[in-house]
């Protein structure tokens, strides 16, 4: 199953240059990397990245990530959390997440 991570341009550049990252500042604070499912990612963008330009959407295969733990978060829904750095090799694809009229425009997510 594909899961998704939204990165700011600088966070994506760090992953590309270093080969791995502990994620965004909130990931570092919480001690795990936050991901979303296809059903959750648009709400994640609206809630945590409202109005931000220059975002990148990453697609990763959940079964390839260990230790990935599904834990309750917003409204009790289960969200995937990764308890190790993201490695560049974990990323299946990256696509821009442009902001148009204040709304992030999601690409095809397959």
PDB file of N, CA and C in Angstrom:
ATOM      1  N   UNK A   1       0.840  -1.178   0.000  1.00  0.00           N
ATOM      2  CA  UNK A   1       0.000   0.000   0.000  1.00  0.00           C
ATOM      3  C   UNK A   1       0.885   1.241   0.000  1.00  0.00           C
ATOM      4  N   UNK A   2       0.562   2.184  -0.861  1.00  0.00           N
ATOM      5  CA  UNK A   2       1.318   3.428  -0.880  1.00  0.00           C
ATOM      6  C   UNK A   2       0.910   4.326   0.284  1.00  0.00           C
ATOM      7  N   UNK A   3       1.906   4.958   0.883  1.00  0.00           N
ATOM      8  CA  UNK A   3       1.681   5.994   1.877  1.00  0.00           C
ATOM      9  C   UNK A   3       2.452   7.226   1.430  1.00  0.00           C
ATOM     10  N   UNK A   4       2.137   8.367   2.041  1.00  0.00           N
ATOM     11  CA  UNK A   4       2.613   9.633   1.509  1.00  0.00           C
ATOM     12  C   UNK A   4       3.225  10.507   2.586  1.00  0.00           C
ATOM     13  N   UNK A   5       4.237  11.256   2.168  1.00  0.00           N
ATOM     14  CA  UNK A   5       4.909  12.235   3.021  1.00  0.00           C
ATOM     15  C   UNK A   5       4.966  13.549   2.259  1.00  0.00           C
ATOM     16  N   UNK A   6       4.602  14.619   2.921  1.00  0.00           N
ATOM     17  CA  UNK A   6       4.728  15.954   2.343  1.00  0.00           C
ATOM     18  C   UNK A   6       5.968  16.598   2.944  1.00  0.00           C
ATOM     19  N   UNK A   7       6.841  17.063   2.062  1.00  0.00           N
ATOM     20  CA  UNK A   7       8.053  17.754   2.485  1.00  0.00           C
ATOM     21  C   UNK A   7       8.086  19.149   1.893  1.00  0.00           C
ATOM     22  N   UNK A   8       8.661  20.061   2.658  1.00  0.00           N
ATOM     23  CA  UNK A   8       9.003  21.372   2.116  1.00  0.00           C
ATOM     24  C   UNK A   8      10.238  21.175   1.231  1.00  0.00           C
ATOM     25  N   UNK A   9      10.469  22.128   0.338  1.00  0.00           N
ATOM     26  CA  UNK A   9      11.569  21.987  -0.628  1.00  0.00           C
ATOM     27  C   UNK A   9      12.905  21.730   0.067  1.00  0.00           C
ATOM     28  N   UNK A  10      13.181  22.444   1.156  1.00  0.00           N
ATOM     29  CA  UNK A  10      14.445  22.259   1.866  1.00  0.00           C
ATOM     30  C   UNK A  10      14.573  20.886   2.504  1.00  0.00           C
ATOM     31  N   UNK A  11      13.467  20.357   2.995  1.00  0.00           N
ATOM     32  CA  UNK A  11      13.479  19.020   3.609  1.00  0.00           C
ATOM     33  C   UNK A  11      13.735  17.950   2.542  1.00  0.00           C
ATOM     34  N   UNK A  12      13.119  18.120   1.376  1.00  0.00           N
ATOM     35  CA  UNK A  12      13.337  17.197   0.267  1.00  0.00           C
ATOM     36  C   UNK A  12      14.780  17.290  -0.226  1.00  0.00           C
ATOM     37  N   UNK A  13      15.314  18.512  -0.315  1.00  0.00           N
ATOM     38  CA  UNK A  13      16.698  18.699  -0.746  1.00  0.00           C
ATOM     39  C   UNK A  13      17.661  18.030   0.233  1.00  0.00           C
ATOM     40  N   UNK A  14      17.371  18.105   1.536  1.00  0.00           N
ATOM     41  CA  UNK A  14      18.223  17.456   2.528  1.00  0.00           C
ATOM     42  C   UNK A  14      18.225  15.941   2.337  1.00  0.00           C
ATOM     43  N   UNK A  15      17.067  15.359   2.119  1.00  0.00           N
ATOM     44  CA  UNK A  15      16.992  13.916   1.890  1.00  0.00           C
ATOM     45  C   UNK A  15      17.788  13.539   0.643  1.00  0.00           C
ATOM     46  N   UNK A  16      17.655  14.329  -0.407  1.00  0.00           N
ATOM     47  CA  UNK A  16      18.380  14.026  -1.639  1.00  0.00           C
ATOM     48  C   UNK A  16      19.894  14.153  -1.453  1.00  0.00           C
ATOM     49  N   UNK A  17      20.340  15.149  -0.709  1.00  0.00           N
ATOM     50  CA  UNK A  17      21.785  15.365  -0.564  1.00  0.00           C
ATOM     51  C   UNK A  17      22.424  14.433   0.451  1.00  0.00           C
ATOM     52  N   UNK A  18      21.737  14.137   1.540  1.00  0.00           N
ATOM     53  CA  UNK A  18      22.313  13.296   2.596  1.00  0.00           C
ATOM     54  C   UNK A  18      21.965  11.819   2.466  1.00  0.00           C
ATOM     55  N   UNK A  19      20.921  11.517   1.699  1.00  0.00           N
ATOM     56  CA  UNK A  19      20.538  10.120   1.521  1.00  0.00           C
ATOM     57  C   UNK A  19      19.574   9.612   2.570  1.00  0.00           C
ATOM     58  N   UNK A  20      19.377  10.375   3.641  1.00  0.00           N
ATOM     59  CA  UNK A  20      18.396  10.020   4.660  1.00  0.00           C
ATOM     60  C   UNK A  20      18.104  11.251   5.505  1.00  0.00           C
ATOM     61  N   UNK A  21      16.977  11.212   6.199  1.00  0.00           N
ATOM     62  CA  UNK A  21      16.585  12.323   7.059  1.00  0.00           C
ATOM     63  C   UNK A  21      15.666  11.833   8.167  1.00  0.00           C
ATOM     64  N   UNK A  22      15.687  12.562   9.260  1.00  0.00           N
ATOM     65  CA  UNK A  22      14.753  12.299  10.352  1.00  0.00           C
ATOM     66  C   UNK A  22      13.434  13.027  10.133  1.00  0.00           C
ATOM     67  N   UNK A  23      13.312  13.710   8.997  1.00  0.00           N
ATOM     68  CA  UNK A  23      12.056  14.328   8.626  1.00  0.00           C
ATOM     69  C   UNK A  23      11.983  15.805   8.931  1.00  0.00           C
ATOM     70  N   UNK A  24      10.761  16.282   8.963  1.00  0.00           N
ATOM     71  CA  UNK A  24      10.469  17.681   9.247  1.00  0.00           C
ATOM     72  C   UNK A  24      10.665  17.950  10.742  1.00  0.00           C
ATOM     73  N   UNK A  25      10.711  19.218  11.148  1.00  0.00           N
ATOM     74  CA  UNK A  25      10.883  19.517  12.574  1.00  0.00           C
ATOM     75  C   UNK A  25       9.871  18.807  13.479  1.00  0.00           C
ATOM     76  N   UNK A  26       8.619  18.703  13.065  1.00  0.00           N
ATOM     77  CA  UNK A  26       7.616  18.016  13.900  1.00  0.00           C
ATOM     78  C   UNK A  26       7.950  16.530  14.054  1.00  0.00           C
ATOM     79  N   UNK A  27       8.514  15.931  13.002  1.00  0.00           N
ATOM     80  CA  UNK A  27       8.912  14.520  13.087  1.00  0.00           C
ATOM     81  C   UNK A  27      10.025  14.338  14.115  1.00  0.00           C
ATOM     82  N   UNK A  28      10.997  15.232  14.063  1.00  0.00           N
ATOM     83  CA  UNK A  28      12.121  15.167  15.006  1.00  0.00           C
ATOM     84  C   UNK A  28      11.611  15.326  16.434  1.00  0.00           C
ATOM     85  N   UNK A  29      10.729  16.284  16.657  1.00  0.00           N
ATOM     86  CA  UNK A  29      10.170  16.519  18.003  1.00  0.00           C
ATOM     87  C   UNK A  29       9.403  15.299  18.496  1.00  0.00           C
ATOM     88  N   UNK A  30       8.578  14.706  17.625  1.00  0.00           N
ATOM     89  CA  UNK A  30       7.739  13.577  18.032  1.00  0.00           C
ATOM     90  C   UNK A  30       8.499  12.250  18.104  1.00  0.00           C
ATOM     91  N   UNK A  31       9.662  12.168  17.466  1.00  0.00           N
ATOM     92  CA  UNK A  31      10.459  10.953  17.528  1.00  0.00           C
ATOM     93  C   UNK A  31      10.091   9.905  16.492  1.00  0.00           C
ATOM     94  N   UNK A  32       9.292  10.276  15.511  1.00  0.00           N
ATOM     95  CA  UNK A  32       8.936   9.386  14.407  1.00  0.00           C
ATOM     96  C   UNK A  32       8.517  10.237  13.225  1.00  0.00           C
ATOM     97  N   UNK A  33       8.492   9.621  12.050  1.00  0.00           N
ATOM     98  CA  UNK A  33       8.132  10.342  10.839  1.00  0.00           C
ATOM     99  C   UNK A  33       6.661  10.095  10.537  1.00  0.00           C
ATOM    100  N   UNK A  34       5.938  11.188  10.395  1.00  0.00           N
ATOM    101  CA  UNK A  34       4.501  11.148  10.115  1.00  0.00           C
ATOM    102  C   UNK A  34       4.253  10.891   8.630  1.00  0.00           C
ATOM    103  N   UNK A  35       3.374   9.957   8.331  1.00  0.00           N
ATOM    104  CA  UNK A  35       2.906   9.688   6.977  1.00  0.00           C
ATOM    105  C   UNK A  35       1.388   9.752   6.964  1.00  0.00           C
ATOM    106  N   UNK A  36       0.835   9.764   5.768  1.00  0.00           N
ATOM    107  CA  UNK A  36      -0.615   9.735   5.586  1.00  0.00           C
ATOM    108  C   UNK A  36      -0.960   8.710   4.522  1.00  0.00           C
ATOM    109  N   UNK A  37      -2.174   8.192   4.608  1.00  0.00           N
ATOM    110  CA  UNK A  37      -2.700   7.340   3.546  1.00  0.00           C
ATOM    111  C   UNK A  37      -3.287   8.233   2.454  1.00  0.00           C
ATOM    112  N   UNK A  38      -3.702   7.622   1.357  1.00  0.00           N
ATOM    113  CA  UNK A  38      -4.327   8.385   0.269  1.00  0.00           C
ATOM    114  C   UNK A  38      -5.570   9.116   0.764  1.00  0.00           C
ATOM    115  N   UNK A  39      -6.307   8.507   1.665  1.00  0.00           N
ATOM    116  CA  UNK A  39      -7.526   9.118   2.196  1.00  0.00           C
ATOM    117  C   UNK A  39      -7.232  10.262   3.166  1.00  0.00           C
ATOM    118  N   UNK A  40      -6.044  10.312   3.739  1.00  0.00           N
ATOM    119  CA  UNK A  40      -5.696  11.282   4.776  1.00  0.00           C
ATOM    120  C   UNK A  40      -4.851  12.448   4.275  1.00  0.00           C
ATOM    121  N   UNK A  41      -4.144  12.276   3.175  1.00  0.00           N
ATOM    122  CA  UNK A  41      -3.088  13.221   2.805  1.00  0.00           C
ATOM    123  C   UNK A  41      -3.606  14.614   2.435  1.00  0.00           C
ATOM    124  N   UNK A  42      -4.770  14.715   1.827  1.00  0.00           N
ATOM    125  CA  UNK A  42      -5.290  16.039   1.476  1.00  0.00           C
ATOM    126  C   UNK A  42      -5.638  16.828   2.735  1.00  0.00           C
ATOM    127  N   UNK A  43      -6.210  16.171   3.722  1.00  0.00           N
ATOM    128  CA  UNK A  43      -6.502  16.844   4.987  1.00  0.00           C
ATOM    129  C   UNK A  43      -5.207  17.227   5.703  1.00  0.00           C
ATOM    130  N   UNK A  44      -4.207  16.367   5.627  1.00  0.00           N
ATOM    131  CA  UNK A  44      -2.898  16.687   6.206  1.00  0.00           C
ATOM    132  C   UNK A  44      -2.343  17.956   5.573  1.00  0.00           C
ATOM    133  N   UNK A  45      -2.408  18.051   4.255  1.00  0.00           N
ATOM    134  CA  UNK A  45      -1.908  19.247   3.567  1.00  0.00           C
ATOM    135  C   UNK A  45      -2.674  20.485   4.020  1.00  0.00           C
ATOM    136  N   UNK A  46      -3.990  20.391   4.072  1.00  0.00           N
ATOM    137  CA  UNK A  46      -4.810  21.540   4.456  1.00  0.00           C
ATOM    138  C   UNK A  46      -4.564  21.955   5.904  1.00  0.00           C
ATOM    139  N   UNK A  47      -4.372  20.989   6.781  1.00  0.00           N
ATOM    140  CA  UNK A  47      -4.222  21.284   8.212  1.00  0.00           C
ATOM    141  C   UNK A  47      -2.811  21.760   8.570  1.00  0.00           C
ATOM    142  N   UNK A  48      -1.804  21.115   8.023  1.00  0.00           N
ATOM    143  CA  UNK A  48      -0.426  21.377   8.459  1.00  0.00           C
ATOM    144  C   UNK A  48       0.410  22.186   7.473  1.00  0.00           C
ATOM    145  N   UNK A  49      -0.078  22.366   6.247  1.00  0.00           N
ATOM    146  CA  UNK A  49       0.710  23.058   5.227  1.00  0.00           C
ATOM    147  C   UNK A  49      -0.110  24.135   4.508  1.00  0.00           C
ATOM    148  N   UNK A  50      -1.139  24.629   5.144  1.00  0.00           N
ATOM    149  CA  UNK A  50      -2.025  25.619   4.517  1.00  0.00           C
ATOM    150  C   UNK A  50      -1.231  26.819   4.012  1.00  0.00           C
ATOM    151  N   UNK A  51      -1.443  27.146   2.752  1.00  0.00           N
ATOM    152  CA  UNK A  51      -0.813  28.313   2.162  1.00  0.00           C
ATOM    153  C   UNK A  51       0.653  28.174   1.800  1.00  0.00           C
ATOM    154  N   UNK A  52       1.251  27.033   2.070  1.00  0.00           N
ATOM    155  CA  UNK A  52       2.686  26.861   1.794  1.00  0.00           C
ATOM    156  C   UNK A  52       2.913  26.449   0.343  1.00  0.00           C
ATOM    157  N   UNK A  53       3.864  27.129  -0.267  1.00  0.00           N
ATOM    158  CA  UNK A  53       4.251  26.799  -1.628  1.00  0.00           C
ATOM    159  C   UNK A  53       5.544  25.991  -1.612  1.00  0.00           C
ATOM    160  N   UNK A  54       5.860  25.386  -2.741  1.00  0.00           N
ATOM    161  CA  UNK A  54       7.116  24.659  -2.874  1.00  0.00           C
ATOM    162  C   UNK A  54       7.130  23.307  -2.184  1.00  0.00           C
ATOM    163  N   UNK A  55       5.954  22.704  -2.010  1.00  0.00           N
ATOM    164  CA  UNK A  55       5.893  21.395  -1.353  1.00  0.00           C
ATOM    165  C   UNK A  55       6.120  20.276  -2.353  1.00  0.00           C
ATOM    166  N   UNK A  56       6.575  19.145  -1.818  1.00  0.00           N
ATOM    167  CA  UNK A  56       6.812  17.948  -2.620  1.00  0.00           C
ATOM    168  C   UNK A  56       6.085  16.793  -1.948  1.00  0.00           C
ATOM    169  N   UNK A  57       5.370  16.012  -2.745  1.00  0.00           N
ATOM    170  CA  UNK A  57       4.673  14.830  -2.261  1.00  0.00           C
ATOM    171  C   UNK A  57       5.518  13.609  -2.595  1.00  0.00           C
ATOM    172  N   UNK A  58       5.808  12.807  -1.578  1.00  0.00           N
ATOM    173  CA  UNK A  58       6.579  11.577  -1.769  1.00  0.00           C
ATOM    174  C   UNK A  58       5.651  10.378  -1.630  1.00  0.00           C
ATOM    175  N   UNK A  59       5.828   9.398  -2.473  1.00  0.00           N
ATOM    176  CA  UNK A  59       5.103   8.139  -2.378  1.00  0.00           C
ATOM    177  C   UNK A  59       6.058   7.039  -1.953  1.00  0.00           C
ATOM    178  N   UNK A  60       5.651   6.277  -0.934  1.00  0.00           N
ATOM    179  CA  UNK A  60       6.477   5.181  -0.413  1.00  0.00           C
ATOM    180  C   UNK A  60       5.609   3.940  -0.221  1.00  0.00           C
ATOM    181  N   UNK A  61       6.218   2.780  -0.330  1.00  0.00           N
ATOM    182  CA  UNK A  61       5.519   1.518  -0.135  1.00  0.00           C
ATOM    183  C   UNK A  61       5.563   1.149   1.346  1.00  0.00           C
ATOM    184  N   UNK A  62       4.403   1.059   1.973  1.00  0.00           N
ATOM    185  CA  UNK A  62       4.355   0.822   3.419  1.00  0.00           C
ATOM    186  C   UNK A  62       4.992  -0.500   3.820  1.00  0.00           C
ATOM    187  N   UNK A  63       4.810  -1.533   3.004  1.00  0.00           N
ATOM    188  CA  UNK A  63       5.342  -2.849   3.367  1.00  0.00           C
ATOM    189  C   UNK A  63       6.868  -2.881   3.379  1.00  0.00           C
ATOM    190  N   UNK A  64       7.505  -1.931   2.725  1.00  0.00           N
ATOM    191  CA  UNK A  64       8.968  -1.889   2.663  1.00  0.00           C
ATOM    192  C   UNK A  64       9.579  -1.107   3.822  1.00  0.00           C
ATOM    193  N   UNK A  65       8.733  -0.492   4.651  1.00  0.00           N
ATOM    194  CA  UNK A  65       9.234   0.353   5.743  1.00  0.00           C
ATOM    195  C   UNK A  65       9.116  -0.381   7.070  1.00  0.00           C
ATOM    196  N   UNK A  66      10.233  -0.483   7.758  1.00  0.00           N
ATOM    197  CA  UNK A  66      10.248  -1.176   9.045  1.00  0.00           C
ATOM    198  C   UNK A  66      11.169  -0.404   9.980  1.00  0.00           C
ATOM    199  N   UNK A  67      10.745  -0.068  11.163  1.00  0.00           N
ATOM    200  CA  UNK A  67       9.460  -0.370  11.788  1.00  0.00           C
ATOM    201  C   UNK A  67       8.404   0.709  11.522  1.00  0.00           C
ATOM    202  N   UNK A  68       7.375   0.344  10.779  1.00  0.00           N
ATOM    203  CA  UNK A  68       6.240   1.225  10.531  1.00  0.00           C
ATOM    204  C   UNK A  68       5.131   0.801  11.474  1.00  0.00           C
ATOM    205  N   UNK A  69       4.616   1.758  12.232  1.00  0.00           N
ATOM    206  CA  UNK A  69       3.581   1.474  13.221  1.00  0.00           C
ATOM    207  C   UNK A  69       2.353   2.309  12.885  1.00  0.00           C
ATOM    208  N   UNK A  70       1.194   1.683  12.898  1.00  0.00           N
ATOM    209  CA  UNK A  70      -0.068   2.385  12.658  1.00  0.00           C
ATOM    210  C   UNK A  70      -0.642   2.786  14.014  1.00  0.00           C
ATOM    211  N   UNK A  71      -0.750   4.098  14.220  1.00  0.00           N
ATOM    212  CA  UNK A  71      -1.172   4.613  15.524  1.00  0.00           C
ATOM    213  C   UNK A  71      -2.308   5.617  15.357  1.00  0.00           C
ATOM    214  N   UNK A  72      -3.207   5.678  16.353  1.00  0.00           N
ATOM    215  CA  UNK A  72      -4.326   6.624  16.267  1.00  0.00           C
ATOM    216  C   UNK A  72      -3.852   8.064  16.367  1.00  0.00           C
ATOM    217  N   UNK A  73      -4.499   8.910  15.572  1.00  0.00           N
ATOM    218  CA  UNK A  73      -4.193  10.336  15.589  1.00  0.00           C
ATOM    219  C   UNK A  73      -5.499  11.083  15.378  1.00  0.00           C
ATOM    220  N   UNK A  74      -5.540  11.991  14.389  1.00  0.00           N
ATOM    221  CA  UNK A  74      -6.724  12.802  14.132  1.00  0.00           C
ATOM    222  C   UNK A  74      -8.005  11.990  14.165  1.00  0.00           C
ATOM    223  N   UNK A  75      -8.882  12.326  15.076  1.00  0.00           N
ATOM    224  CA  UNK A  75     -10.181  11.674  15.134  1.00  0.00           C
ATOM    225  C   UNK A  75     -10.122  10.182  15.373  1.00  0.00           C
ATOM    226  N   UNK A  76      -9.006   9.690  15.900  1.00  0.00           N
ATOM    227  CA  UNK A  76      -8.863   8.266  16.170  1.00  0.00           C
ATOM    228  C   UNK A  76      -8.456   7.440  14.957  1.00  0.00           C
ATOM    229  N   UNK A  77      -8.304   8.080  13.797  1.00  0.00           N
ATOM    230  CA  UNK A  77      -7.882   7.349  12.595  1.00  0.00           C
ATOM    231  C   UNK A  77      -6.446   6.866  12.767  1.00  0.00           C
ATOM    232  N   UNK A  78      -6.149   5.714  12.196  1.00  0.00           N
ATOM    233  CA  UNK A  78      -4.793   5.162  12.262  1.00  0.00           C
ATOM    234  C   UNK A  78      -3.928   5.802  11.189  1.00  0.00           C
ATOM    235  N   UNK A  79      -2.774   6.305  11.615  1.00  0.00           N
ATOM    236  CA  UNK A  79      -1.804   6.922  10.718  1.00  0.00           C
ATOM    237  C   UNK A  79      -0.501   6.137  10.782  1.00  0.00           C
ATOM    238  N   UNK A  80       0.200   6.002   9.653  1.00  0.00           N
ATOM    239  CA  UNK A  80       1.489   5.311   9.644  1.00  0.00           C
ATOM    240  C   UNK A  80       2.605   6.207  10.173  1.00  0.00           C
ATOM    241  N   UNK A  81       3.372   5.676  11.106  1.00  0.00           N
ATOM    242  CA  UNK A  81       4.510   6.380  11.708  1.00  0.00           C
ATOM    243  C   UNK A  81       5.749   5.505  11.566  1.00  0.00           C
ATOM    244  N   UNK A  82       6.829   6.111  11.074  1.00  0.00           N
ATOM    245  CA  UNK A  82       8.082   5.386  10.861  1.00  0.00           C
ATOM    246  C   UNK A  82       9.072   5.752  11.950  1.00  0.00           C
ATOM    247  N   UNK A  83       9.588   4.744  12.645  1.00  0.00           N
ATOM    248  CA  UNK A  83      10.520   4.951  13.749  1.00  0.00           C
ATOM    249  C   UNK A  83      11.965   4.717  13.324  1.00  0.00           C
ATOM    250  N   UNK A  84      12.337   5.349  12.237  1.00  0.00           N
ATOM    251  CA  UNK A  84      13.722   5.392  11.746  1.00  0.00           C
ATOM    252  C   UNK A  84      13.771   6.474  10.685  1.00  0.00           C
ATOM    253  N   UNK A  85      14.965   6.864  10.257  1.00  0.00           N
ATOM    254  CA  UNK A  85      15.045   7.867   9.190  1.00  0.00           C
ATOM    255  C   UNK A  85      14.426   7.366   7.882  1.00  0.00           C
ATOM    256  N   UNK A  86      13.923   8.294   7.087  1.00  0.00           N
ATOM    257  CA  UNK A  86      13.558   7.973   5.712  1.00  0.00           C
ATOM    258  C   UNK A  86      14.861   7.935   4.926  1.00  0.00           C
ATOM    259  N   UNK A  87      15.016   6.908   4.127  1.00  0.00           N
ATOM    260  CA  UNK A  87      16.173   6.809   3.239  1.00  0.00           C
ATOM    261  C   UNK A  87      15.721   7.137   1.820  1.00  0.00           C
ATOM    262  N   UNK A  88      16.585   7.736   1.076  1.00  0.00           N
ATOM    263  CA  UNK A  88      16.245   8.102  -0.295  1.00  0.00           C
ATOM    264  C   UNK A  88      15.757   6.878  -1.067  1.00  0.00           C
ATOM    265  N   UNK A  89      16.350   5.731  -0.805  1.00  0.00           N
ATOM    266  CA  UNK A  89      15.932   4.498  -1.468  1.00  0.00           C
ATOM    267  C   UNK A  89      14.540   4.029  -1.100  1.00  0.00           C
ATOM    268  N   UNK A  90      13.955   4.574  -0.023  1.00  0.00           N
ATOM    269  CA  UNK A  90      12.581   4.243   0.369  1.00  0.00           C
ATOM    270  C   UNK A  90      11.561   4.911  -0.546  1.00  0.00           C
ATOM    271  N   UNK A  91      11.964   6.004  -1.180  1.00  0.00           N
ATOM    272  CA  UNK A  91      11.033   6.838  -1.943  1.00  0.00           C
ATOM    273  C   UNK A  91      10.827   6.250  -3.336  1.00  0.00           C
ATOM    274  N   UNK A  92       9.578   5.912  -3.651  1.00  0.00           N
ATOM    275  CA  UNK A  92       9.255   5.384  -4.972  1.00  0.00           C
ATOM    276  C   UNK A  92       9.169   6.499  -5.999  1.00  0.00           C
ATOM    277  N   UNK A  93       8.603   7.630  -5.593  1.00  0.00           N
ATOM    278  CA  UNK A  93       8.484   8.774  -6.489  1.00  0.00           C
ATOM    279  C   UNK A  93       8.285  10.053  -5.686  1.00  0.00           C
ATOM    280  N   UNK A  94       8.555  11.169  -6.356  1.00  0.00           N
ATOM    281  CA  UNK A  94       8.303  12.485  -5.789  1.00  0.00           C
ATOM    282  C   UNK A  94       7.624  13.326  -6.861  1.00  0.00           C
ATOM    283  N   UNK A  95       6.654  14.128  -6.428  1.00  0.00           N
ATOM    284  CA  UNK A  95       5.914  14.974  -7.359  1.00  0.00           C
ATOM    285  C   UNK A  95       5.659  16.318  -6.689  1.00  0.00           C
ATOM    286  N   UNK A  96       5.692  17.399  -7.468  1.00  0.00           N
ATOM    287  CA  UNK A  96       5.392  18.705  -6.886  1.00  0.00           C
ATOM    288  C   UNK A  96       3.943  18.774  -6.415  1.00  0.00           C
ATOM    289  N   UNK A  97       3.734  19.577  -5.401  1.00  0.00           N
ATOM    290  CA  UNK A  97       2.401  19.777  -4.836  1.00  0.00           C
ATOM    291  C   UNK A  97       2.085  21.276  -4.917  1.00  0.00           C
ATOM    292  N   UNK A  98       1.748  21.740  -6.130  1.00  0.00           N
ATOM    293  CA  UNK A  98       1.567  23.182  -6.320  1.00  0.00           C
ATOM    294  C   UNK A  98       0.353  23.726  -5.574  1.00  0.00           C
ATOM    295  N   UNK A  99       0.446  24.997  -5.261  1.00  0.00           N
ATOM    296  CA  UNK A  99      -0.627  25.717  -4.579  1.00  0.00           C
ATOM    297  C   UNK A  99      -1.316  26.604  -5.607  1.00  0.00           C
ATOM    298  N   UNK A 100      -2.608  26.381  -5.832  1.00  0.00           N
ATOM    299  CA  UNK A 100      -3.379  27.164  -6.792  1.00  0.00           C
ATOM    300  C   UNK A 100      -4.602  27.723  -6.069  1.00  0.00           C
ATOM    301  N   UNK A 101      -4.699  29.036  -6.037  1.00  0.00           N
ATOM    302  CA  UNK A 101      -5.810  29.702  -5.353  1.00  0.00           C
ATOM    303  C   UNK A 101      -5.954  29.221  -3.912  1.00  0.00           C
ATOM    304  N   UNK A 102      -4.805  28.990  -3.255  1.00  0.00           N
ATOM    305  CA  UNK A 102      -4.800  28.610  -1.854  1.00  0.00           C
ATOM    306  C   UNK A 102      -5.064  27.143  -1.571  1.00  0.00           C
ATOM    307  N   UNK A 103      -5.184  26.319  -2.616  1.00  0.00           N
ATOM    308  CA  UNK A 103      -5.461  24.883  -2.439  1.00  0.00           C
ATOM    309  C   UNK A 103      -4.366  24.079  -3.125  1.00  0.00           C
ATOM    310  N   UNK A 104      -3.823  23.091  -2.414  1.00  0.00           N
ATOM    311  CA  UNK A 104      -2.798  22.231  -3.008  1.00  0.00           C
ATOM    312  C   UNK A 104      -3.430  21.327  -4.049  1.00  0.00           C
ATOM    313  N   UNK A 105      -2.781  21.256  -5.187  1.00  0.00           N
ATOM    314  CA  UNK A 105      -3.249  20.443  -6.299  1.00  0.00           C
ATOM    315  C   UNK A 105      -2.496  19.115  -6.308  1.00  0.00           C
ATOM    316  N   UNK A 106      -3.206  18.046  -5.987  1.00  0.00           N
ATOM    317  CA  UNK A 106      -2.573  16.739  -5.877  1.00  0.00           C
ATOM    318  C   UNK A 106      -2.461  16.065  -7.228  1.00  0.00           C
ATOM    319  N   UNK A 107      -1.299  15.459  -7.488  1.00  0.00           N
ATOM    320  CA  UNK A 107      -1.103  14.714  -8.737  1.00  0.00           C
ATOM    321  C   UNK A 107      -1.755  13.346  -8.611  1.00  0.00           C
ATOM    322  N   UNK A 108      -1.689  12.590  -9.684  1.00  0.00           N
ATOM    323  CA  UNK A 108      -2.079  11.193  -9.608  1.00  0.00           C
ATOM    324  C   UNK A 108      -1.128  10.521  -8.632  1.00  0.00           C
ATOM    325  N   UNK A 109      -1.654   9.732  -7.722  1.00  0.00           N
ATOM    326  CA  UNK A 109      -0.825   9.201  -6.627  1.00  0.00           C
ATOM    327  C   UNK A 109      -0.596   7.708  -6.741  1.00  0.00           C
ATOM    328  N   UNK A 110      -0.175   7.260  -7.917  1.00  0.00           N
ATOM    329  CA  UNK A 110       0.124   5.835  -8.091  1.00  0.00           C
ATOM    330  C   UNK A 110       1.547   5.649  -8.545  1.00  0.00           C
TER     331      UNK A 110
END
